[in-house]
């Protein structure tokens, strides 16, 4: 093969890789939310909906700064109100970082639309165990189920 053709193929290959962003990444988190995991504002454990549960799945796209999410299989959760992701390890309450509101699903939603930003999403990605999902109902306004 002629050296010019090999050189040209090498340049084309490098150019194609340059078109693919090196930092394109997605991070997915899923959990089963249960009432037994709820913590009161005073630190009392197991204060949620005893027979309630739900499934949460969230994917952060750090390249496009979007989030895709779903809260499904809501079981025995009367009068669902809203859900979000908080800072805080198991048994500890913390501030909201991502607020999904009343929406059960969303696809490629900009971070700002769910009240978060790159810094906060980076905190979740760096320490998933230091954050939790929480869903609220009218009957359990402080939190019905948590994971």
Foldseek 3Di string as FASTA:
>chain_A
DDPVVVVVVVVVVVVVVVVPDPPFDKDKDKDKWAQQQDADPVLDGSPAAHPWIWMKMKMAGLVLQFMWIAIDPTDPFPAWWFKAKAFAAGSDGGHGAFTPTPDGTDDRHHRVVRPHGNVSVVVCVVCVRRMKMFTAGPVRRSTHIMD
